[in-house]
Amino acid sequence: MKPKMTIEESILDSLADGCESIKQIEEYLSYLTVKFDRKLLRQVVLELMENKLIRISEPPSQGKIEFENLNDDQIFDFWFELTTKGYSVWEKIET
């Protein structure tokens, strides 16, 4: 039996085929039955950005600080994509 992906790995996996919104990432995590809440998701997304594994693709003028300071309803306007480093990490995930 293959090990279940972590929330970090699951988020990277959700972005492997292209940009996704927070809502789409949430739906993918639910599909995979990953346990999370909005606070944890925000924290992990920020960590992945800090580690340069993902970046904000839309809106292009917004950055990590803007994302960090928004309320939960406002973060749905953000879309994310893998960086080259993130894609390299994703390729090594065992699913």
C-alpha atoms as a PDB file:
ATOM      1  CA  MET A   1       0.000   0.000   0.000  1.00  0.00           C
ATOM      2  CA  LYS A   2       1.382   3.383  -0.990  1.00  0.00           C
ATOM      3  CA  PRO A   3       1.715   6.045   1.700  1.00  0.00           C
ATOM      4  CA  LYS A   4      -0.806   8.881   1.727  1.00  0.00           C
ATOM      5  CA  MET A   5       0.549  12.209   0.500  1.00  0.00           C
ATOM      6  CA  THR A   6       1.085  14.998   2.998  1.00  0.00           C
ATOM      7  CA  ILE A   7      -0.882  18.219   2.627  1.00  0.00           C
ATOM      8  CA  GLU A   8       2.240  19.853   1.167  1.00  0.00           C
ATOM      9  CA  GLU A   9       2.650  17.083  -1.403  1.00  0.00           C
ATOM     10  CA  SER A  10      -1.072  17.174  -2.192  1.00  0.00           C
ATOM     11  CA  ILE A  11      -0.964  20.911  -2.898  1.00  0.00           C
ATOM     12  CA  LEU A  12       2.048  20.456  -5.181  1.00  0.00           C
ATOM     13  CA  ASP A  13       0.216  17.606  -6.911  1.00  0.00           C
ATOM     14  CA  SER A  14      -2.836  19.802  -7.427  1.00  0.00           C
ATOM     15  CA  LEU A  15      -0.669  22.312  -9.295  1.00  0.00           C
ATOM     16  CA  ALA A  16       1.244  19.813 -11.438  1.00  0.00           C
ATOM     17  CA  ASP A  17      -0.984  20.324 -14.493  1.00  0.00           C
ATOM     18  CA  GLY A  18      -1.153  24.100 -14.252  1.00  0.00           C
ATOM     19  CA  CYS A  19      -2.449  27.036 -12.249  1.00  0.00           C
ATOM     20  CA  GLU A  20      -5.179  26.473  -9.691  1.00  0.00           C
ATOM     21  CA  SER A  21      -7.190  28.698  -7.391  1.00  0.00           C
ATOM     22  CA  ILE A  22      -7.494  28.201  -3.652  1.00  0.00           C
ATOM     23  CA  LYS A  23     -10.995  26.802  -4.231  1.00  0.00           C
ATOM     24  CA  GLN A  24      -9.693  24.243  -6.709  1.00  0.00           C
ATOM     25  CA  ILE A  25      -6.882  23.281  -4.337  1.00  0.00           C
ATOM     26  CA  GLU A  26      -9.429  22.827  -1.530  1.00  0.00           C
ATOM     27  CA  GLU A  27     -11.578  20.615  -3.765  1.00  0.00           C
ATOM     28  CA  TYR A  28      -8.556  18.495  -4.689  1.00  0.00           C
ATOM     29  CA  LEU A  29      -7.536  18.084  -1.041  1.00  0.00           C
ATOM     30  CA  SER A  30     -11.087  17.012  -0.205  1.00  0.00           C
ATOM     31  CA  TYR A  31     -11.043  14.535  -3.100  1.00  0.00           C
ATOM     32  CA  LEU A  32      -7.837  13.043  -1.692  1.00  0.00           C
ATOM     33  CA  THR A  33      -9.414  13.028   1.804  1.00  0.00           C
ATOM     34  CA  VAL A  34      -6.627  15.187   3.207  1.00  0.00           C
ATOM     35  CA  LYS A  35      -7.671  16.689   6.533  1.00  0.00           C
ATOM     36  CA  PHE A  36      -7.361  20.478   6.543  1.00  0.00           C
ATOM     37  CA  ASP A  37      -9.117  23.697   7.363  1.00  0.00           C
ATOM     38  CA  ARG A  38      -8.765  27.124   5.776  1.00  0.00           C
ATOM     39  CA  LYS A  39      -6.234  28.251   8.418  1.00  0.00           C
ATOM     40  CA  LEU A  40      -3.979  25.245   7.807  1.00  0.00           C
ATOM     41  CA  LEU A  41      -4.290  25.599   4.041  1.00  0.00           C
ATOM     42  CA  ARG A  42      -3.276  29.246   4.211  1.00  0.00           C
ATOM     43  CA  GLN A  43      -0.309  28.369   6.465  1.00  0.00           C
ATOM     44  CA  VAL A  44       0.926  25.598   4.163  1.00  0.00           C
ATOM     45  CA  VAL A  45       0.525  27.750   1.040  1.00  0.00           C
ATOM     46  CA  LEU A  46       2.585  30.476   2.721  1.00  0.00           C
ATOM     47  CA  GLU A  47       5.272  27.931   3.659  1.00  0.00           C
ATOM     48  CA  LEU A  48       5.380  26.598   0.103  1.00  0.00           C
ATOM     49  CA  MET A  49       5.781  30.159  -1.187  1.00  0.00           C
ATOM     50  CA  GLU A  50       8.481  30.863   1.409  1.00  0.00           C
ATOM     51  CA  ASN A  51      10.326  27.738   0.228  1.00  0.00           C
ATOM     52  CA  LYS A  52       9.912  28.902  -3.384  1.00  0.00           C
ATOM     53  CA  LEU A  53       7.977  25.788  -4.398  1.00  0.00           C
ATOM     54  CA  ILE A  54       4.904  27.713  -5.568  1.00  0.00           C
ATOM     55  CA  ARG A  55       4.145  31.296  -6.554  1.00  0.00           C
ATOM     56  CA  ILE A  56       1.132  33.477  -7.099  1.00  0.00           C
ATOM     57  CA  SER A  57       0.193  33.538 -10.760  1.00  0.00           C
ATOM     58  CA  GLU A  58      -2.953  35.679 -10.449  1.00  0.00           C
ATOM     59  CA  PRO A  59      -3.320  38.492  -9.630  1.00  0.00           C
ATOM     60  CA  PRO A  60       0.228  39.127 -10.882  1.00  0.00           C
ATOM     61  CA  SER A  61       0.671  42.359  -8.933  1.00  0.00           C
ATOM     62  CA  GLN A  62      -0.019  40.643  -5.593  1.00  0.00           C
ATOM     63  CA  GLY A  63       2.547  38.873  -3.475  1.00  0.00           C
ATOM     64  CA  LYS A  64       2.888  36.767  -0.378  1.00  0.00           C
ATOM     65  CA  ILE A  65       2.359  39.702   1.983  1.00  0.00           C
ATOM     66  CA  GLU A  66      -0.912  40.676   0.314  1.00  0.00           C
ATOM     67  CA  PHE A  67      -2.110  37.059   0.443  1.00  0.00           C
ATOM     68  CA  GLU A  68      -1.116  36.795   4.094  1.00  0.00           C
ATOM     69  CA  ASN A  69      -3.093  39.909   5.056  1.00  0.00           C
ATOM     70  CA  LEU A  70      -6.405  39.047   3.367  1.00  0.00           C
ATOM     71  CA  ASN A  71      -9.403  37.463   5.042  1.00  0.00           C
ATOM     72  CA  ASP A  72     -10.551  33.981   4.047  1.00  0.00           C
ATOM     73  CA  ASP A  73     -13.160  35.213   1.570  1.00  0.00           C
ATOM     74  CA  GLN A  74     -10.634  37.353  -0.306  1.00  0.00           C
ATOM     75  CA  ILE A  75      -8.033  34.630  -0.854  1.00  0.00           C
ATOM     76  CA  PHE A  76     -10.250  32.987  -3.479  1.00  0.00           C
ATOM     77  CA  ASP A  77      -9.044  35.598  -5.976  1.00  0.00           C
ATOM     78  CA  PHE A  78      -5.544  34.101  -5.861  1.00  0.00           C
ATOM     79  CA  TRP A  79      -4.236  31.485  -8.280  1.00  0.00           C
ATOM     80  CA  PHE A  80      -1.001  29.561  -7.785  1.00  0.00           C
ATOM     81  CA  GLU A  81       1.481  27.678  -9.901  1.00  0.00           C
ATOM     82  CA  LEU A  82       4.531  25.499  -9.335  1.00  0.00           C
ATOM     83  CA  THR A  83       7.975  27.021  -9.644  1.00  0.00           C
ATOM     84  CA  THR A  84      10.775  25.087 -11.340  1.00  0.00           C
ATOM     85  CA  LYS A  85      11.939  24.018  -7.877  1.00  0.00           C
ATOM     86  CA  GLY A  86       8.390  22.991  -6.944  1.00  0.00           C
ATOM     87  CA  TYR A  87       8.039  20.940 -10.098  1.00  0.00           C
ATOM     88  CA  SER A  88      11.318  19.133  -9.292  1.00  0.00           C
ATOM     89  CA  VAL A  89      10.046  18.325  -5.795  1.00  0.00           C
ATOM     90  CA  TRP A  90       6.688  17.178  -7.180  1.00  0.00           C
ATOM     91  CA  GLU A  91       8.397  14.762  -9.593  1.00  0.00           C
ATOM     92  CA  LYS A  92       9.916  12.928  -6.604  1.00  0.00           C
ATOM     93  CA  ILE A  93       6.619  12.414  -4.752  1.00  0.00           C
ATOM     94  CA  GLU A  94       5.607   8.772  -4.525  1.00  0.00           C
ATOM     95  CA  THR A  95       1.904   8.339  -5.195  1.00  0.00           C
END
